[in-house]
Amino acid sequence: MKYRTERDTMGEVSVPVDALYGAQTQRAVDNFTIAARTMPPLFIRCLARIKSAAAVANAARGGLPADIADALVLVAARVAGGDHADQFPVGVFQTGSGTSTNMNMNEVLARLASQAGGVEVHPNDHANRSQSSNDVIPCCIQVSAAVALQQQLRPALARLSGVLRRRAGELADTVKTGRTHLMDAMPVTFGQELESVAFQLAECGQRLDDLQPRLRALPIGGSAVGTGVNVPAGFADAFAVELSRMLAMHFTVCPNPSSRMAAQEVAVECSACARSLAHILTKLNNDLRWMASGPLAGLAEIRLEALQPGSSIMPGKVNPVLPEAALMAAAEVVGNDATIALAARSGNFQLNVMLPLVADKLLGSIELLAGACDTTARAVAGFTVDHAQVGQVLARNPVLVTALNPQIGYEAAAAIAKRAYAERRPVIDVAMEDTGMSRPELEQLLDPARLAGLAEK
């Protein structure tokens, strides 16, 4: 590889000759070698948008000449569109403020703008004008999370909710044995089970909506320590207006920027919403696995879509692969949430010093959940009910005797349930013998559909 010599305030650095970045980025590449994982692509694209909005705001407030601002806006749009993605090699495990990533962007944009605009653009004096890594990186965490939620997670959440409600409608009258503690309980319908999950998802969506005003209130203009040093009056408001226009999302300026720089409670709240969705997906996918278990030694209430051979040694075995994939994604989201919570506690005085890690884990969780929602939706859409198996189990369920409590009392009903279970007989047959009640009367009282709420009680 051929190199060129670049200079910064610490001296000379050898940089690959074709690299768009400069000395500070190269120092970061040389220094931070813990892992090859770089900052998420969405974070980089949103950081470019932030630099573009800052250039517009600086020009409006007299902080940048129009030609330099125009050149920065032009090239930032290209980077935001995905161009030059290979020019951002700085890893997640870097300086805790994210200064290296901020300067990586500043250096790339300055070089591109200098080439495109025919003017000399400086990474610090121009691309970073009226900014600090300490407000830009927290700002970018919030912006990229807001974009990811809107473009990735909310659509996937809506798709899953739609599939759940459609299947709930199709199975609204299909009664099955309910279970508590994994033991037989009173009847429910498949529709009721699926509607319950759809309701949980709706509440999860409401949590994300409630979060938005805080997530979109940005610490821009806080500068180094939240006091706004070297930031001209009106810059932050002009920035918020321009960023809102570019992303078609309403952003505001946090009235206390230091609260978003010294701490990361908004990221913690966002991650908690993600964790809640992970819990919902975990239960739903585990329920699908349980219902599909068998087909002979398990519940075998449903058949999941057969997608691939399940074993390299057991012919004919088919496994619940989609739920398992979604469960692993959900498990990682819960782990990411724990990491974010720990990282958010790592602020000292005016700055949190684990910002790149927060960004990486938060965006990773949102992306994982979007994929897990779509995978789960596919599993829900593709399962079929084994009506014969469900009906046989339901008919033998001794807990149906609960419906006789008002007529014969709890202890007498318990005796019927125990005898029905011990003799492996339908509870209605034992109840006829032990109560003297007529079969039509018992059929009405023990009707699973009525007990599941489908018929008038």
Foldseek 3Di string as FASTA:
>chain_A
DDWDWAADPVGIDTDRPPALFGDLLVVLVVPDVPDQAAFDLLLQLLLLLLLLLLLVLCVVQVLDPPLLSVLSNVVSNVVNVPPPPVNQRHHLPTWQLCQSNLRSSLSNSQSSSCVVRVDRGHSCSRSQALAASLFSLLQSLLVSLVVLCVPFQVVLLVLLLVLLQVVLVVFVQQKFFDDDPNDTAAIAISSVVSVVLSVLSVVLVVLVVVLVQVSQAGLRQLHDQHPNPNHDPPSQQSSQVSSCVVSVHHHHHHPGSLVSFQFPVSLLSLLVSLLSLLVSLLVLLVVLQQCCPDCPPGLNFKHWDFDDDDDPPDPPDGHPVLSVLLNVLSVLSVVLSVVLVVQRVQGDRRGRRSSSSSSRSSSSSSNSNSVSSNSVSNRSNGMDGPSVSRVLCLQLQLNLLVLCCVPPHDVLSVVLSVVSVVVVHGSLVSCCVSPVDDSVVSCVSSVSSVSNPNDDD
